[in-house]
C-alpha atoms as a PDB file:
ATOM      1  CA  UNK A   1     -47.344 -28.968 -56.326  1.00  0.00           C
ATOM      2  CA  UNK A   2     -50.453 -29.224 -58.457  1.00  0.00           C
ATOM      3  CA  UNK A   3     -51.237 -32.381 -60.367  1.00  0.00           C
ATOM      4  CA  UNK A   4     -53.572 -32.203 -63.382  1.00  0.00           C
ATOM      5  CA  UNK A   5     -56.924 -33.865 -62.857  1.00  0.00           C
ATOM      6  CA  UNK A   6     -56.789 -37.363 -64.311  1.00  0.00           C
ATOM      7  CA  UNK A   7     -59.283 -38.848 -61.929  1.00  0.00           C
ATOM      8  CA  UNK A   8     -62.059 -41.175 -63.066  1.00  0.00           C
ATOM      9  CA  UNK A   9     -64.347 -38.765 -61.218  1.00  0.00           C
ATOM     10  CA  UNK A  10     -65.218 -35.869 -63.541  1.00  0.00           C
ATOM     11  CA  UNK A  11     -65.739 -33.438 -60.642  1.00  0.00           C
ATOM     12  CA  UNK A  12     -62.066 -33.712 -59.568  1.00  0.00           C
ATOM     13  CA  UNK A  13     -60.123 -30.979 -61.311  1.00  0.00           C
ATOM     14  CA  UNK A  14     -56.768 -30.748 -59.543  1.00  0.00           C
ATOM     15  CA  UNK A  15     -55.029 -32.262 -56.565  1.00  0.00           C
ATOM     16  CA  UNK A  16     -52.572 -30.285 -54.436  1.00  0.00           C
ATOM     17  CA  UNK A  17     -49.693 -31.699 -52.398  1.00  0.00           C
ATOM     18  CA  UNK A  18     -48.538 -29.349 -49.648  1.00  0.00           C
ATOM     19  CA  UNK A  19     -47.052 -29.178 -46.208  1.00  0.00           C
ATOM     20  CA  UNK A  20     -49.589 -29.749 -43.482  1.00  0.00           C
ATOM     21  CA  UNK A  21     -50.906 -26.555 -41.920  1.00  0.00           C
ATOM     22  CA  UNK A  22     -52.556 -26.125 -38.506  1.00  0.00           C
ATOM     23  CA  UNK A  23     -55.910 -25.898 -40.278  1.00  0.00           C
ATOM     24  CA  UNK A  24     -55.186 -29.155 -42.143  1.00  0.00           C
ATOM     25  CA  UNK A  25     -54.151 -30.875 -38.888  1.00  0.00           C
ATOM     26  CA  UNK A  26     -57.343 -29.687 -37.158  1.00  0.00           C
ATOM     27  CA  UNK A  27     -59.418 -31.039 -40.059  1.00  0.00           C
ATOM     28  CA  UNK A  28     -57.633 -34.389 -39.860  1.00  0.00           C
ATOM     29  CA  UNK A  29     -58.353 -34.663 -36.117  1.00  0.00           C
ATOM     30  CA  UNK A  30     -61.990 -33.640 -36.580  1.00  0.00           C
ATOM     31  CA  UNK A  31     -62.532 -36.297 -39.270  1.00  0.00           C
ATOM     32  CA  UNK A  32     -60.372 -39.040 -37.744  1.00  0.00           C
ATOM     33  CA  UNK A  33     -63.229 -41.445 -37.005  1.00  0.00           C
ATOM     34  CA  UNK A  34     -64.749 -40.951 -40.457  1.00  0.00           C
ATOM     35  CA  UNK A  35     -61.384 -41.552 -42.116  1.00  0.00           C
ATOM     36  CA  UNK A  36     -60.165 -44.537 -40.076  1.00  0.00           C
ATOM     37  CA  UNK A  37     -63.494 -45.940 -38.832  1.00  0.00           C
ATOM     38  CA  UNK A  38     -62.583 -45.605 -35.145  1.00  0.00           C
ATOM     39  CA  UNK A  39     -60.524 -43.534 -32.689  1.00  0.00           C
ATOM     40  CA  UNK A  40     -57.929 -46.258 -32.196  1.00  0.00           C
ATOM     41  CA  UNK A  41     -55.291 -44.270 -34.123  1.00  0.00           C
ATOM     42  CA  UNK A  42     -55.939 -40.992 -32.304  1.00  0.00           C
ATOM     43  CA  UNK A  43     -52.854 -41.397 -30.106  1.00  0.00           C
ATOM     44  CA  UNK A  44     -50.695 -41.534 -33.250  1.00  0.00           C
ATOM     45  CA  UNK A  45     -51.834 -38.082 -34.367  1.00  0.00           C
ATOM     46  CA  UNK A  46     -49.754 -36.000 -32.010  1.00  0.00           C
ATOM     47  CA  UNK A  47     -49.183 -32.301 -32.723  1.00  0.00           C
ATOM     48  CA  UNK A  48     -45.408 -32.887 -32.553  1.00  0.00           C
ATOM     49  CA  UNK A  49     -45.623 -34.150 -36.147  1.00  0.00           C
ATOM     50  CA  UNK A  50     -46.807 -30.709 -37.215  1.00  0.00           C
ATOM     51  CA  UNK A  51     -44.661 -28.501 -34.961  1.00  0.00           C
ATOM     52  CA  UNK A  52     -41.358 -30.379 -34.792  1.00  0.00           C
ATOM     53  CA  UNK A  53     -41.410 -32.352 -38.035  1.00  0.00           C
ATOM     54  CA  UNK A  54     -43.485 -29.984 -40.158  1.00  0.00           C
ATOM     55  CA  UNK A  55     -41.124 -30.275 -43.135  1.00  0.00           C
ATOM     56  CA  UNK A  56     -42.100 -33.935 -43.468  1.00  0.00           C
ATOM     57  CA  UNK A  57     -45.830 -33.625 -42.723  1.00  0.00           C
ATOM     58  CA  UNK A  58     -47.750 -33.479 -46.008  1.00  0.00           C
ATOM     59  CA  UNK A  59     -51.347 -33.435 -47.134  1.00  0.00           C
ATOM     60  CA  UNK A  60     -52.983 -34.166 -50.429  1.00  0.00           C
ATOM     61  CA  UNK A  61     -56.052 -32.035 -50.901  1.00  0.00           C
ATOM     62  CA  UNK A  62     -58.533 -30.457 -53.187  1.00  0.00           C
ATOM     63  CA  UNK A  63     -60.353 -27.152 -52.700  1.00  0.00           C
ATOM     64  CA  UNK A  64     -59.295 -26.866 -49.045  1.00  0.00           C
ATOM     65  CA  UNK A  65     -60.281 -30.410 -48.114  1.00  0.00           C
ATOM     66  CA  UNK A  66     -57.684 -32.968 -46.971  1.00  0.00           C
ATOM     67  CA  UNK A  67     -58.040 -36.201 -48.953  1.00  0.00           C
ATOM     68  CA  UNK A  68     -54.934 -37.993 -47.618  1.00  0.00           C
ATOM     69  CA  UNK A  69     -51.941 -37.257 -45.434  1.00  0.00           C
ATOM     70  CA  UNK A  70     -48.490 -38.521 -44.525  1.00  0.00           C
ATOM     71  CA  UNK A  71     -46.657 -37.616 -41.325  1.00  0.00           C
ATOM     72  CA  UNK A  72     -43.048 -38.686 -41.041  1.00  0.00           C
ATOM     73  CA  UNK A  73     -39.650 -37.606 -39.940  1.00  0.00           C
ATOM     74  CA  UNK A  74     -36.058 -38.067 -40.987  1.00  0.00           C
ATOM     75  CA  UNK A  75     -33.624 -39.734 -38.621  1.00  0.00           C
ATOM     76  CA  UNK A  76     -30.868 -37.438 -37.397  1.00  0.00           C
ATOM     77  CA  UNK A  77     -28.237 -40.160 -37.650  1.00  0.00           C
ATOM     78  CA  UNK A  78     -26.641 -41.743 -40.641  1.00  0.00           C
ATOM     79  CA  UNK A  79     -27.418 -45.195 -42.000  1.00  0.00           C
ATOM     80  CA  UNK A  80     -26.438 -48.024 -39.687  1.00  0.00           C
ATOM     81  CA  UNK A  81     -26.050 -50.712 -42.357  1.00  0.00           C
END
């Protein structure tokens, strides 16, 4: 999905939302400290989110650079409420 650039930053032209690739995941790990300010979340960035739950691992990026990401998974059971 491509969203038209409506950023207050004139250099931002378009933002892409896509499934997380191995290259995206490697970039996220390499820039973890810069993004979060420490390594305290490193244990939460397990490759299982990419390999087993890849359909629900998404990145928001521009020109090959990951700007944000969301890793999640859907429960295999129905609602309990």
